[in-house]
């Protein structure tokens, strides 16, 4: 086969700034290769079940998950309103994620600092020192640290546009600006 063959699996791995990977692939080629014609395989189905009871159960589960997600969003919005100007330590305590580390994980800190260069990223609201402090308070647990940053950056976001070259010669670094996210009266 050649690189343009329809029998080749094409995979793309995208690494996000936290070091995790997202895979995009046309894996149906593998299914056909390993199982043959999927219509000949008893019990194999890539789609939604035609069984009405299973479909009803799936719809019910989806509705419950949607209600839970909506409730969690309302609760988090309320927490953000209450904690919006509070120090990181109080936010960590309110979120229940205080696990003070003896020292900061430098690799995780480096990745969060790198995210400060991504236009509109929540890490642009923080300084290197505040990122270090938040990581220490959360025991180097990045998801908890991100939640703290979301609370701190709930009302507004620092937007630091990337540098660019004017006419291909002069490097221009635009000024960062503060963008309001919500009007407290309407949220």
N, C-alpha and C. Protein backbone atom coordinates (compact mmCIF):
# COMPACT_ATOMS: atom_id res chain seq x y z
N UNK A 1 0.83 -1.20 0.00
CA UNK A 1 0.00 0.00 0.00
C UNK A 1 0.87 1.25 0.00
N UNK A 2 0.27 2.33 -0.44
CA UNK A 2 0.97 3.60 -0.44
C UNK A 2 0.40 4.49 0.67
N UNK A 3 1.00 5.66 0.87
CA UNK A 3 0.51 6.59 1.88
C UNK A 3 -0.89 7.11 1.58
N UNK A 4 -1.31 7.00 0.35
CA UNK A 4 -2.64 7.49 -0.02
C UNK A 4 -3.68 6.37 -0.02
N UNK A 5 -3.29 5.18 0.36
CA UNK A 5 -4.20 4.03 0.36
C UNK A 5 -5.34 4.26 1.37
N UNK A 6 -6.51 3.79 1.02
CA UNK A 6 -7.67 3.89 1.90
C UNK A 6 -7.57 2.91 3.06
N UNK A 7 -6.59 1.97 2.99
CA UNK A 7 -6.45 0.97 4.05
C UNK A 7 -5.49 1.40 5.14
N UNK A 8 -4.95 2.58 5.08
CA UNK A 8 -4.01 3.07 6.09
C UNK A 8 -4.78 3.85 7.15
N UNK A 9 -4.48 3.55 8.42
CA UNK A 9 -5.08 4.31 9.51
C UNK A 9 -4.33 5.62 9.64
N UNK A 10 -5.05 6.69 9.62
CA UNK A 10 -4.44 8.01 9.80
C UNK A 10 -4.70 8.47 11.22
N UNK A 11 -3.64 8.73 11.95
CA UNK A 11 -3.76 9.15 13.33
C UNK A 11 -3.03 10.47 13.51
N UNK A 12 -3.65 11.34 14.28
CA UNK A 12 -3.04 12.62 14.62
C UNK A 12 -3.09 12.73 16.14
N UNK A 13 -1.96 13.10 16.71
CA UNK A 13 -1.90 13.30 18.15
C UNK A 13 -1.61 14.77 18.40
N UNK A 14 -2.51 15.42 19.11
CA UNK A 14 -2.36 16.83 19.44
C UNK A 14 -2.06 16.93 20.93
N UNK A 15 -0.99 17.61 21.26
CA UNK A 15 -0.64 17.76 22.67
C UNK A 15 -1.12 19.12 23.15
N UNK A 16 -1.90 19.11 24.25
CA UNK A 16 -2.35 20.38 24.81
C UNK A 16 -1.26 20.93 25.73
N UNK A 17 -1.39 22.17 26.18
CA UNK A 17 -0.33 22.78 26.99
C UNK A 17 -0.05 22.07 28.31
N UNK A 18 -1.01 21.24 28.80
CA UNK A 18 -0.78 20.50 30.04
C UNK A 18 -0.02 19.21 29.82
N UNK A 19 0.26 18.88 28.55
CA UNK A 19 1.02 17.67 28.27
C UNK A 19 0.16 16.47 27.93
N UNK A 20 -1.17 16.61 27.95
CA UNK A 20 -2.05 15.52 27.58
C UNK A 20 -2.19 15.47 26.06
N UNK A 21 -2.61 14.32 25.55
CA UNK A 21 -2.75 14.15 24.11
C UNK A 21 -4.22 13.91 23.74
N UNK A 22 -4.60 14.43 22.60
CA UNK A 22 -5.89 14.16 22.00
C UNK A 22 -5.59 13.41 20.70
N UNK A 23 -6.27 12.28 20.51
CA UNK A 23 -6.04 11.47 19.32
C UNK A 23 -7.22 11.64 18.37
N UNK A 24 -6.91 11.86 17.12
CA UNK A 24 -7.91 11.90 16.06
C UNK A 24 -7.51 10.81 15.08
N UNK A 25 -8.45 9.92 14.77
CA UNK A 25 -8.08 8.82 13.90
C UNK A 25 -9.28 8.29 13.14
N UNK A 26 -9.03 7.70 11.99
CA UNK A 26 -10.08 7.04 11.23
C UNK A 26 -9.99 5.54 11.54
N UNK A 27 -10.32 5.20 12.76
CA UNK A 27 -10.13 3.84 13.29
C UNK A 27 -11.08 2.82 12.70
N UNK A 28 -12.07 3.25 11.93
CA UNK A 28 -12.95 2.28 11.29
C UNK A 28 -12.17 1.37 10.35
N UNK A 29 -11.02 1.86 9.85
CA UNK A 29 -10.15 1.03 9.01
C UNK A 29 -9.66 -0.18 9.82
N UNK A 30 -9.32 0.04 11.09
CA UNK A 30 -8.88 -1.06 11.96
C UNK A 30 -10.01 -2.05 12.21
N UNK A 31 -11.20 -1.52 12.44
CA UNK A 31 -12.36 -2.39 12.68
C UNK A 31 -12.57 -3.31 11.48
N UNK A 32 -12.54 -2.74 10.30
CA UNK A 32 -12.73 -3.54 9.08
C UNK A 32 -11.60 -4.55 8.92
N UNK A 33 -10.38 -4.15 9.26
CA UNK A 33 -9.22 -5.04 9.12
C UNK A 33 -9.30 -6.21 10.09
N UNK A 34 -9.64 -5.92 11.35
CA UNK A 34 -9.63 -6.98 12.37
C UNK A 34 -10.89 -7.83 12.36
N UNK A 35 -12.04 -7.24 12.06
CA UNK A 35 -13.30 -7.98 12.13
C UNK A 35 -13.88 -8.35 10.78
N UNK A 36 -13.36 -7.76 9.73
CA UNK A 36 -13.93 -7.99 8.41
C UNK A 36 -15.18 -7.14 8.23
N UNK A 37 -16.11 -7.63 7.46
CA UNK A 37 -17.35 -6.90 7.25
C UNK A 37 -18.15 -6.92 8.55
N UNK A 38 -18.38 -5.76 9.13
CA UNK A 38 -19.02 -5.69 10.46
C UNK A 38 -20.45 -6.23 10.44
N UNK A 39 -21.05 -6.33 9.27
CA UNK A 39 -22.41 -6.89 9.18
C UNK A 39 -22.40 -8.39 9.43
N UNK A 40 -21.24 -9.02 9.26
CA UNK A 40 -21.12 -10.46 9.46
C UNK A 40 -20.76 -10.82 10.90
N UNK A 41 -20.47 -9.83 11.75
CA UNK A 41 -20.06 -10.09 13.12
C UNK A 41 -21.29 -10.01 14.02
N UNK A 42 -21.64 -11.13 14.64
CA UNK A 42 -22.83 -11.19 15.49
C UNK A 42 -22.62 -10.33 16.74
N UNK A 43 -23.57 -9.47 17.03
CA UNK A 43 -23.54 -8.67 18.25
C UNK A 43 -22.71 -7.40 18.16
N UNK A 44 -22.04 -7.16 17.03
CA UNK A 44 -21.21 -5.96 16.91
C UNK A 44 -22.04 -4.83 16.33
N UNK A 45 -22.01 -3.67 17.01
CA UNK A 45 -22.78 -2.53 16.54
C UNK A 45 -22.02 -1.25 16.91
N UNK A 46 -21.73 -0.42 15.92
CA UNK A 46 -21.05 0.84 16.18
C UNK A 46 -22.04 1.95 16.47
N UNK A 47 -23.28 1.71 16.23
CA UNK A 47 -24.28 2.76 16.35
C UNK A 47 -25.12 2.62 17.60
N UNK A 48 -26.19 3.37 17.63
CA UNK A 48 -27.14 3.35 18.74
C UNK A 48 -27.99 2.10 18.63
N UNK A 49 -28.29 1.53 19.75
CA UNK A 49 -29.09 0.31 19.78
C UNK A 49 -30.50 0.57 19.23
N UNK A 50 -31.06 -0.43 18.60
CA UNK A 50 -32.43 -0.33 18.13
C UNK A 50 -33.41 -0.80 19.20
N UNK A 51 -32.89 -1.26 20.31
CA UNK A 51 -33.71 -1.74 21.40
C UNK A 51 -34.34 -0.54 22.10
N UNK A 52 -35.67 -0.48 22.14
CA UNK A 52 -36.39 0.66 22.70
C UNK A 52 -36.10 0.85 24.19
N UNK A 53 -36.00 -0.23 24.95
CA UNK A 53 -35.73 -0.11 26.40
C UNK A 53 -34.35 0.48 26.65
N UNK A 54 -33.34 0.02 25.88
CA UNK A 54 -31.99 0.57 26.04
C UNK A 54 -31.95 2.04 25.64
N UNK A 55 -32.64 2.38 24.56
CA UNK A 55 -32.68 3.77 24.10
C UNK A 55 -33.34 4.66 25.15
N UNK A 56 -34.46 4.21 25.72
CA UNK A 56 -35.14 4.98 26.77
C UNK A 56 -34.25 5.17 27.98
N UNK A 57 -33.53 4.12 28.37
CA UNK A 57 -32.62 4.23 29.51
C UNK A 57 -31.51 5.24 29.21
N UNK A 58 -30.98 5.22 27.99
CA UNK A 58 -29.94 6.15 27.59
C UNK A 58 -30.46 7.59 27.63
N UNK A 59 -31.65 7.83 27.12
CA UNK A 59 -32.25 9.17 27.13
C UNK A 59 -32.45 9.64 28.57
N UNK A 60 -32.94 8.77 29.43
CA UNK A 60 -33.16 9.11 30.83
C UNK A 60 -31.84 9.47 31.51
N UNK A 61 -30.81 8.67 31.28
CA UNK A 61 -29.50 8.94 31.86
C UNK A 61 -28.95 10.28 31.37
N UNK A 62 -29.11 10.54 30.08
CA UNK A 62 -28.63 11.79 29.50
C UNK A 62 -29.33 13.00 30.12
N UNK A 63 -30.64 12.89 30.32
CA UNK A 63 -31.39 13.98 30.95
C UNK A 63 -30.91 14.22 32.38
N UNK A 64 -30.68 13.15 33.12
CA UNK A 64 -30.20 13.31 34.51
C UNK A 64 -28.82 13.95 34.54
N UNK A 65 -27.95 13.53 33.63
CA UNK A 65 -26.62 14.14 33.57
C UNK A 65 -26.71 15.62 33.21
N UNK A 66 -27.59 15.97 32.29
CA UNK A 66 -27.77 17.37 31.90
C UNK A 66 -28.26 18.20 33.09
N UNK A 67 -29.19 17.66 33.87
CA UNK A 67 -29.69 18.38 35.06
C UNK A 67 -28.58 18.55 36.10
N UNK A 68 -27.78 17.51 36.29
CA UNK A 68 -26.66 17.62 37.23
C UNK A 68 -25.65 18.66 36.78
N UNK A 69 -25.37 18.67 35.48
CA UNK A 69 -24.42 19.64 34.95
C UNK A 69 -24.94 21.06 35.12
N UNK A 70 -26.24 21.27 34.86
CA UNK A 70 -26.84 22.60 35.03
C UNK A 70 -26.79 23.03 36.49
N UNK A 71 -27.07 22.11 37.40
CA UNK A 71 -27.02 22.43 38.84
C UNK A 71 -25.59 22.75 39.26
N UNK A 72 -24.63 21.97 38.79
CA UNK A 72 -23.22 22.23 39.13
C UNK A 72 -22.79 23.59 38.60
N UNK A 73 -23.24 23.95 37.40
CA UNK A 73 -22.91 25.26 36.84
C UNK A 73 -23.50 26.39 37.69
N UNK A 74 -24.76 26.24 38.09
CA UNK A 74 -25.39 27.27 38.95
C UNK A 74 -24.64 27.40 40.28
N UNK A 75 -24.28 26.27 40.88
CA UNK A 75 -23.56 26.29 42.15
C UNK A 75 -22.18 26.93 42.00
N UNK A 76 -21.50 26.62 40.91
CA UNK A 76 -20.17 27.19 40.69
C UNK A 76 -20.27 28.70 40.43
N UNK A 77 -21.29 29.12 39.69
CA UNK A 77 -21.50 30.54 39.44
C UNK A 77 -21.74 31.27 40.76
N UNK A 78 -22.55 30.68 41.64
CA UNK A 78 -22.81 31.29 42.95
C UNK A 78 -21.52 31.36 43.76
N UNK A 79 -20.73 30.30 43.74
CA UNK A 79 -19.46 30.30 44.45
C UNK A 79 -18.54 31.40 43.91
N UNK A 80 -18.50 31.56 42.60
CA UNK A 80 -17.67 32.60 41.98
C UNK A 80 -18.12 33.98 42.42
N UNK A 81 -19.42 34.20 42.48
CA UNK A 81 -19.93 35.49 42.95
C UNK A 81 -19.47 35.78 44.37
N UNK A 82 -19.56 34.78 45.21
CA UNK A 82 -19.22 34.95 46.62
C UNK A 82 -17.71 35.10 46.84
N UNK A 83 -16.91 34.44 46.03
CA UNK A 83 -15.46 34.38 46.29
C UNK A 83 -14.64 35.23 45.34
N UNK A 84 -15.26 36.04 44.50
CA UNK A 84 -14.56 36.69 43.39
C UNK A 84 -13.39 37.57 43.79
N UNK A 85 -13.38 38.17 44.94
CA UNK A 85 -12.26 39.05 45.34
C UNK A 85 -11.49 38.48 46.52
N UNK A 86 -11.65 37.21 46.79
CA UNK A 86 -11.03 36.59 47.96
C UNK A 86 -9.64 36.06 47.62
N UNK A 87 -8.78 35.96 48.62
CA UNK A 87 -7.44 35.38 48.40
C UNK A 87 -7.52 33.90 47.99
N UNK A 88 -6.48 33.44 47.32
CA UNK A 88 -6.44 32.06 46.84
C UNK A 88 -6.64 31.05 47.97
N UNK A 89 -6.09 31.31 49.13
CA UNK A 89 -6.24 30.38 50.26
C UNK A 89 -7.70 30.19 50.64
N UNK A 90 -8.48 31.27 50.67
CA UNK A 90 -9.90 31.16 50.99
C UNK A 90 -10.66 30.41 49.91
N UNK A 91 -10.29 30.64 48.65
CA UNK A 91 -10.95 29.94 47.54
C UNK A 91 -10.66 28.45 47.63
N UNK A 92 -9.40 28.10 47.88
CA UNK A 92 -9.01 26.69 48.00
C UNK A 92 -9.79 26.03 49.12
N UNK A 93 -9.92 26.72 50.25
CA UNK A 93 -10.67 26.16 51.38
C UNK A 93 -12.14 25.98 51.02
N UNK A 94 -12.72 26.96 50.35
CA UNK A 94 -14.14 26.88 49.98
C UNK A 94 -14.38 25.75 48.97
N UNK A 95 -13.44 25.55 48.07
CA UNK A 95 -13.56 24.46 47.11
C UNK A 95 -13.26 23.10 47.75
N UNK A 96 -12.64 23.13 48.93
CA UNK A 96 -12.30 21.89 49.61
C UNK A 96 -11.14 21.14 48.99
N UNK A 97 -10.21 21.88 48.39
CA UNK A 97 -9.10 21.22 47.70
C UNK A 97 -7.73 21.62 48.27
N UNK A 98 -7.70 22.06 49.54
CA UNK A 98 -6.40 22.43 50.11
C UNK A 98 -5.64 21.18 50.49
N UNK A 99 -4.48 21.02 49.87
CA UNK A 99 -3.53 19.94 50.16
C UNK A 99 -2.16 20.54 49.96
N UNK A 100 -1.72 21.34 50.87
CA UNK A 100 -0.49 22.11 50.70
C UNK A 100 0.70 21.17 50.44
N UNK A 101 1.40 21.44 49.36
CA UNK A 101 2.57 20.65 48.98
C UNK A 101 3.81 21.21 49.67
N UNK A 102 4.76 20.35 49.93
CA UNK A 102 6.02 20.78 50.53
C UNK A 102 6.81 21.64 49.55
N UNK A 103 6.68 21.32 48.28
CA UNK A 103 7.34 22.12 47.24
C UNK A 103 6.53 22.02 45.96
N UNK A 104 6.69 23.00 45.12
CA UNK A 104 5.94 23.03 43.86
C UNK A 104 6.55 22.06 42.86
N UNK A 105 5.70 21.42 42.07
CA UNK A 105 6.15 20.56 40.99
C UNK A 105 6.58 21.48 39.85
N UNK A 106 7.87 21.61 39.65
CA UNK A 106 8.41 22.57 38.68
C UNK A 106 7.96 22.27 37.25
N UNK A 107 7.78 21.01 36.93
CA UNK A 107 7.33 20.64 35.58
C UNK A 107 5.91 21.14 35.33
N UNK A 108 5.03 20.95 36.30
CA UNK A 108 3.65 21.44 36.17
C UNK A 108 3.62 22.96 36.13
N UNK A 109 4.43 23.58 36.97
CA UNK A 109 4.50 25.04 36.97
C UNK A 109 4.97 25.55 35.62
N UNK A 110 5.97 24.90 35.06
CA UNK A 110 6.49 25.31 33.76
C UNK A 110 5.41 25.24 32.68
N UNK A 111 4.58 24.20 32.73
CA UNK A 111 3.50 24.06 31.75
C UNK A 111 2.44 25.14 31.92
N UNK A 112 2.12 25.47 33.17
CA UNK A 112 1.14 26.54 33.41
C UNK A 112 1.70 27.89 32.97
N UNK A 113 2.97 28.11 33.21
CA UNK A 113 3.60 29.37 32.76
C UNK A 113 3.58 29.45 31.24
N UNK A 114 3.83 28.32 30.58
CA UNK A 114 3.79 28.31 29.12
C UNK A 114 2.39 28.66 28.62
N UNK A 115 1.37 28.23 29.34
CA UNK A 115 -0.01 28.55 28.95
C UNK A 115 -0.29 30.05 29.02
N UNK A 116 0.49 30.79 29.78
CA UNK A 116 0.30 32.24 29.84
C UNK A 116 0.54 32.88 28.47
N UNK A 117 1.20 32.17 27.57
CA UNK A 117 1.44 32.68 26.23
C UNK A 117 0.31 32.37 25.25
N UNK A 118 -0.72 31.64 25.71
CA UNK A 118 -1.85 31.29 24.86
C UNK A 118 -2.93 32.36 25.03
N UNK A 119 -3.26 33.02 23.95
CA UNK A 119 -4.21 34.14 23.97
C UNK A 119 -5.54 33.72 24.59
N UNK A 120 -5.94 34.41 25.65
CA UNK A 120 -7.22 34.17 26.29
C UNK A 120 -7.22 33.04 27.31
N UNK A 121 -6.09 32.37 27.51
CA UNK A 121 -6.03 31.26 28.47
C UNK A 121 -6.20 31.80 29.88
N UNK A 122 -6.85 31.01 30.74
CA UNK A 122 -7.10 31.41 32.13
C UNK A 122 -5.80 31.72 32.87
N UNK A 123 -4.70 31.10 32.46
CA UNK A 123 -3.40 31.34 33.12
C UNK A 123 -2.87 32.76 32.86
N UNK A 124 -3.39 33.45 31.84
CA UNK A 124 -2.95 34.82 31.59
C UNK A 124 -3.39 35.76 32.72
N UNK A 125 -4.38 35.34 33.51
CA UNK A 125 -4.83 36.15 34.66
C UNK A 125 -3.84 36.10 35.81
N UNK A 126 -2.94 35.15 35.78
CA UNK A 126 -2.05 34.91 36.92
C UNK A 126 -0.61 35.30 36.59
N UNK A 127 0.12 35.59 37.66
CA UNK A 127 1.56 35.82 37.54
C UNK A 127 2.27 34.49 37.81
N UNK A 128 3.55 34.45 37.53
CA UNK A 128 4.31 33.24 37.85
C UNK A 128 4.23 32.94 39.35
N UNK A 129 4.31 33.99 40.15
CA UNK A 129 4.25 33.81 41.61
C UNK A 129 2.88 33.28 42.05
N UNK A 130 1.80 33.82 41.47
CA UNK A 130 0.47 33.35 41.88
C UNK A 130 0.23 31.92 41.40
N UNK A 131 0.74 31.56 40.22
CA UNK A 131 0.64 30.18 39.77
C UNK A 131 1.36 29.24 40.73
N UNK A 132 2.54 29.64 41.15
CA UNK A 132 3.32 28.85 42.11
C UNK A 132 2.53 28.68 43.41
N UNK A 133 1.96 29.77 43.90
CA UNK A 133 1.21 29.77 45.16
C UNK A 133 -0.02 28.85 45.05
N UNK A 134 -0.77 28.96 43.96
CA UNK A 134 -1.97 28.15 43.78
C UNK A 134 -1.60 26.67 43.67
N UNK A 135 -0.55 26.35 42.93
CA UNK A 135 -0.11 24.94 42.84
C UNK A 135 0.28 24.39 44.21
N UNK A 136 0.97 25.19 44.99
CA UNK A 136 1.37 24.75 46.33
C UNK A 136 0.14 24.46 47.19
N UNK A 137 -0.84 25.39 47.15
CA UNK A 137 -2.04 25.24 47.97
C UNK A 137 -2.87 24.02 47.59
N UNK A 138 -2.84 23.65 46.32
CA UNK A 138 -3.65 22.53 45.83
C UNK A 138 -2.85 21.22 45.76
N UNK A 139 -1.68 21.21 46.34
CA UNK A 139 -0.87 19.99 46.34
C UNK A 139 -0.41 19.59 44.96
N UNK A 140 -0.16 20.58 44.09
CA UNK A 140 0.29 20.35 42.71
C UNK A 140 -0.75 19.61 41.87
N UNK A 141 -2.01 19.71 42.27
CA UNK A 141 -3.10 19.07 41.52
C UNK A 141 -3.65 20.08 40.52
N UNK A 142 -3.26 19.92 39.25
CA UNK A 142 -3.58 20.92 38.21
C UNK A 142 -5.08 21.14 38.04
N UNK A 143 -5.94 20.09 38.01
CA UNK A 143 -7.37 20.37 37.88
C UNK A 143 -7.91 21.26 39.01
N UNK A 144 -7.46 21.04 40.24
CA UNK A 144 -7.90 21.89 41.36
C UNK A 144 -7.34 23.30 41.20
N UNK A 145 -6.10 23.40 40.76
CA UNK A 145 -5.50 24.72 40.53
C UNK A 145 -6.27 25.48 39.46
N UNK A 146 -6.69 24.78 38.40
CA UNK A 146 -7.46 25.42 37.33
C UNK A 146 -8.80 25.91 37.85
N UNK A 147 -9.42 25.15 38.74
CA UNK A 147 -10.71 25.56 39.33
C UNK A 147 -10.52 26.85 40.13
N UNK A 148 -9.44 26.93 40.89
CA UNK A 148 -9.13 28.15 41.65
C UNK A 148 -8.96 29.33 40.70
N UNK A 149 -8.24 29.10 39.60
CA UNK A 149 -8.03 30.17 38.62
C UNK A 149 -9.34 30.58 37.96
N UNK A 150 -10.25 29.63 37.76
CA UNK A 150 -11.55 29.98 37.18
C UNK A 150 -12.33 30.89 38.12
N UNK A 151 -12.27 30.61 39.42
CA UNK A 151 -12.96 31.47 40.39
C UNK A 151 -12.32 32.85 40.39
N UNK A 152 -11.00 32.88 40.42
CA UNK A 152 -10.30 34.17 40.45
C UNK A 152 -10.53 34.98 39.18
N UNK A 153 -10.68 34.30 38.05
CA UNK A 153 -10.85 34.99 36.78
C UNK A 153 -12.28 35.01 36.29
N UNK A 154 -13.23 34.84 37.19
CA UNK A 154 -14.62 34.72 36.79
C UNK A 154 -15.18 36.01 36.19
N UNK A 155 -14.88 37.15 36.80
CA UNK A 155 -15.45 38.42 36.35
C UNK A 155 -14.80 38.97 35.09
N UNK A 156 -13.49 38.80 34.99
CA UNK A 156 -12.78 39.37 33.84
C UNK A 156 -11.57 38.51 33.51
N UNK A 157 -11.08 38.72 32.29
CA UNK A 157 -9.94 37.94 31.82
C UNK A 157 -8.88 38.87 31.28
N UNK A 158 -7.63 38.56 31.60
CA UNK A 158 -6.51 39.26 30.99
C UNK A 158 -6.33 38.65 29.61
N UNK A 159 -6.31 39.50 28.63
CA UNK A 159 -6.13 39.05 27.24
C UNK A 159 -4.82 39.65 26.74
N UNK A 160 -3.81 38.81 26.58
CA UNK A 160 -2.51 39.26 26.11
C UNK A 160 -2.30 38.72 24.70
N UNK A 161 -2.57 39.55 23.68
CA UNK A 161 -2.42 39.10 22.30
C UNK A 161 -0.97 38.70 22.00
N UNK A 162 -0.80 37.77 21.09
CA UNK A 162 0.57 37.34 20.75
C UNK A 162 1.32 38.42 19.98
N UNK A 163 2.63 38.36 20.09
CA UNK A 163 3.48 39.28 19.33
C UNK A 163 3.43 38.90 17.85
N UNK A 164 3.72 39.87 17.01
CA UNK A 164 3.75 39.62 15.57
C UNK A 164 4.80 40.54 14.94
N UNK A 165 5.15 40.25 13.70
CA UNK A 165 6.12 41.06 12.99
C UNK A 165 5.40 41.95 11.99
N UNK A 166 5.61 43.24 12.14
CA UNK A 166 5.02 44.23 11.23
C UNK A 166 5.88 44.30 9.98
N UNK A 167 5.26 44.10 8.85
CA UNK A 167 5.95 44.13 7.56
C UNK A 167 7.13 43.15 7.52
N UNK A 168 7.04 42.10 8.34
CA UNK A 168 8.07 41.08 8.34
C UNK A 168 9.37 41.48 8.98
N UNK A 169 9.43 42.66 9.60
CA UNK A 169 10.72 43.12 10.13
C UNK A 169 10.65 43.49 11.61
N UNK A 170 9.73 44.36 11.97
CA UNK A 170 9.68 44.89 13.35
C UNK A 170 8.73 44.07 14.20
N UNK A 171 9.25 43.56 15.33
CA UNK A 171 8.42 42.78 16.25
C UNK A 171 7.54 43.73 17.06
N UNK A 172 6.24 43.45 17.05
CA UNK A 172 5.27 44.27 17.78
C UNK A 172 4.63 43.38 18.85
N UNK A 173 4.67 43.84 20.10
CA UNK A 173 4.02 43.12 21.19
C UNK A 173 2.85 43.98 21.68
N UNK A 174 1.62 43.59 21.32
CA UNK A 174 0.46 44.39 21.73
C UNK A 174 0.30 44.41 23.25
N UNK A 175 -0.30 45.47 23.74
CA UNK A 175 -0.58 45.60 25.17
C UNK A 175 -1.66 44.60 25.58
N UNK A 176 -1.49 44.01 26.74
CA UNK A 176 -2.54 43.16 27.30
C UNK A 176 -3.69 44.07 27.76
N UNK A 177 -4.89 43.52 27.77
CA UNK A 177 -6.04 44.30 28.24
C UNK A 177 -6.95 43.40 29.07
N UNK A 178 -7.78 44.04 29.88
CA UNK A 178 -8.70 43.32 30.75
C UNK A 178 -10.07 43.31 30.09
N UNK A 179 -10.63 42.11 29.90
CA UNK A 179 -11.93 41.99 29.25
C UNK A 179 -12.95 41.49 30.27
N UNK A 180 -14.00 42.27 30.51
CA UNK A 180 -15.05 41.79 31.43
C UNK A 180 -15.76 40.59 30.83
N UNK A 181 -16.08 39.61 31.69
CA UNK A 181 -16.78 38.42 31.23
C UNK A 181 -18.29 38.53 31.47
N UNK A 182 -18.65 38.98 32.66
CA UNK A 182 -20.05 39.00 33.04
C UNK A 182 -20.38 40.32 33.71
N UNK A 183 -21.59 40.71 33.57
CA UNK A 183 -22.11 41.81 34.37
C UNK A 183 -22.76 41.17 35.58
N UNK A 184 -22.31 41.48 36.76
CA UNK A 184 -22.79 40.85 37.99
C UNK A 184 -24.31 40.98 38.11
N UNK A 185 -24.87 42.09 37.61
CA UNK A 185 -26.31 42.30 37.72
C UNK A 185 -27.11 41.31 36.89
N UNK A 186 -26.52 40.77 35.82
CA UNK A 186 -27.28 39.92 34.91
C UNK A 186 -26.99 38.44 35.03
N UNK A 187 -25.99 38.04 35.81
CA UNK A 187 -25.64 36.62 35.91
C UNK A 187 -26.39 35.99 37.05
